[in-house]
Amino acid sequence: MIKLAHAFGKSTGFGVDLIFLSPIFMLILGFGGATYEGPQEM
């Protein structure tokens, strides 16, 4: 989930929130203004 958050340009905190509240934060990614930036190298 953290890698997914980084692929959309979001922070690690957003990724942690995706783990615990995934239905809500998936909706935020899907219907929000986030754009897919591709996989990020760590």
N, C-alpha and C. Protein backbone atom coordinates (compact mmCIF):
# COMPACT_ATOMS: atom_id res chain seq x y z
N MET A 1 0.82 -1.19 0.00
CA MET A 1 0.00 0.00 0.00
C MET A 1 0.87 1.26 0.00
N ILE A 2 2.01 1.18 0.65
CA ILE A 2 2.90 2.34 0.67
C ILE A 2 3.46 2.60 -0.73
N LYS A 3 3.80 1.53 -1.44
CA LYS A 3 4.28 1.70 -2.82
C LYS A 3 3.17 2.24 -3.71
N LEU A 4 1.94 1.83 -3.48
CA LEU A 4 0.81 2.35 -4.24
C LEU A 4 0.65 3.85 -3.99
N ALA A 5 0.76 4.25 -2.73
CA ALA A 5 0.65 5.68 -2.39
C ALA A 5 1.75 6.47 -3.08
N HIS A 6 2.97 5.95 -3.08
CA HIS A 6 4.08 6.66 -3.74
C HIS A 6 3.87 6.73 -5.25
N ALA A 7 3.25 5.71 -5.84
CA ALA A 7 2.99 5.72 -7.28
C ALA A 7 2.00 6.81 -7.67
N PHE A 8 1.18 7.25 -6.73
CA PHE A 8 0.24 8.33 -6.98
C PHE A 8 0.74 9.66 -6.42
N GLY A 9 2.01 9.71 -6.01
CA GLY A 9 2.58 10.96 -5.52
C GLY A 9 2.17 11.32 -4.11
N LYS A 10 1.70 10.36 -3.36
CA LYS A 10 1.28 10.60 -1.98
C LYS A 10 2.39 10.22 -1.01
N SER A 11 2.25 10.61 0.23
CA SER A 11 3.28 10.37 1.24
C SER A 11 3.18 8.98 1.85
N THR A 12 4.17 8.64 2.65
CA THR A 12 4.17 7.37 3.37
C THR A 12 3.02 7.32 4.37
N GLY A 13 2.68 8.44 4.96
CA GLY A 13 1.54 8.50 5.88
C GLY A 13 0.24 8.14 5.19
N PHE A 14 0.08 8.56 3.97
CA PHE A 14 -1.10 8.18 3.19
C PHE A 14 -1.12 6.69 2.96
N GLY A 15 0.06 6.09 2.73
CA GLY A 15 0.16 4.65 2.56
C GLY A 15 -0.22 3.88 3.80
N VAL A 16 0.17 4.40 4.96
CA VAL A 16 -0.21 3.77 6.23
C VAL A 16 -1.72 3.86 6.42
N ASP A 17 -2.29 5.00 6.06
CA ASP A 17 -3.74 5.14 6.13
C ASP A 17 -4.44 4.18 5.18
N LEU A 18 -3.83 3.91 4.02
CA LEU A 18 -4.38 2.93 3.09
C LEU A 18 -4.44 1.54 3.71
N ILE A 19 -3.46 1.22 4.55
CA ILE A 19 -3.44 -0.09 5.21
C ILE A 19 -4.62 -0.23 6.16
N PHE A 20 -4.87 0.79 6.97
CA PHE A 20 -5.89 0.68 8.02
C PHE A 20 -7.29 1.07 7.57
N LEU A 21 -7.40 1.98 6.64
CA LEU A 21 -8.71 2.46 6.19
C LEU A 21 -8.80 2.38 4.67
N SER A 22 -8.46 1.23 4.13
CA SER A 22 -8.31 1.10 2.68
C SER A 22 -9.56 1.47 1.87
N PRO A 23 -10.78 1.11 2.26
CA PRO A 23 -11.92 1.49 1.40
C PRO A 23 -12.05 3.01 1.23
N ILE A 24 -11.83 3.74 2.30
CA ILE A 24 -11.97 5.20 2.24
C ILE A 24 -10.87 5.81 1.40
N PHE A 25 -9.63 5.38 1.64
CA PHE A 25 -8.51 5.99 0.95
C PHE A 25 -8.40 5.53 -0.50
N MET A 26 -8.94 4.37 -0.84
CA MET A 26 -9.02 3.96 -2.24
C MET A 26 -9.98 4.87 -3.00
N LEU A 27 -11.07 5.26 -2.34
CA LEU A 27 -12.00 6.21 -2.96
C LEU A 27 -11.34 7.57 -3.17
N ILE A 28 -10.51 7.98 -2.21
CA ILE A 28 -9.80 9.24 -2.35
C ILE A 28 -8.86 9.19 -3.56
N LEU A 29 -8.15 8.06 -3.72
CA LEU A 29 -7.27 7.93 -4.88
C LEU A 29 -8.07 7.87 -6.18
N GLY A 30 -9.19 7.17 -6.16
CA GLY A 30 -9.96 6.99 -7.38
C GLY A 30 -10.70 8.22 -7.84
N PHE A 31 -11.27 8.96 -6.91
CA PHE A 31 -12.10 10.09 -7.29
C PHE A 31 -11.47 11.44 -6.98
N GLY A 32 -10.30 11.44 -6.36
CA GLY A 32 -9.60 12.69 -6.05
C GLY A 32 -8.80 13.17 -7.24
N GLY A 33 -7.96 14.13 -7.00
CA GLY A 33 -7.17 14.71 -8.07
C GLY A 33 -5.82 14.05 -8.27
N ALA A 34 -5.58 12.92 -7.63
CA ALA A 34 -4.29 12.25 -7.75
C ALA A 34 -4.12 11.65 -9.14
N THR A 35 -2.92 11.79 -9.68
CA THR A 35 -2.61 11.19 -10.97
C THR A 35 -1.52 10.15 -10.79
N TYR A 36 -1.61 9.11 -11.60
CA TYR A 36 -0.65 8.01 -11.53
C TYR A 36 0.67 8.47 -12.11
N GLU A 37 1.74 8.34 -11.33
CA GLU A 37 3.07 8.77 -11.77
C GLU A 37 3.97 7.59 -12.09
N GLY A 38 3.50 6.40 -11.85
CA GLY A 38 4.29 5.20 -12.11
C GLY A 38 5.05 4.75 -10.86
N PRO A 39 5.67 3.60 -10.94
CA PRO A 39 6.40 3.09 -9.78
C PRO A 39 7.60 3.96 -9.44
N GLN A 40 7.81 4.16 -8.17
CA GLN A 40 8.91 4.98 -7.68
C GLN A 40 10.06 4.08 -7.23
N GLU A 41 11.26 4.46 -7.56
CA GLU A 41 12.44 3.73 -7.08
C GLU A 41 12.73 4.16 -5.67
N MET A 42 13.01 3.19 -4.82
CA MET A 42 13.29 3.51 -3.42
C MET A 42 14.76 3.42 -3.14
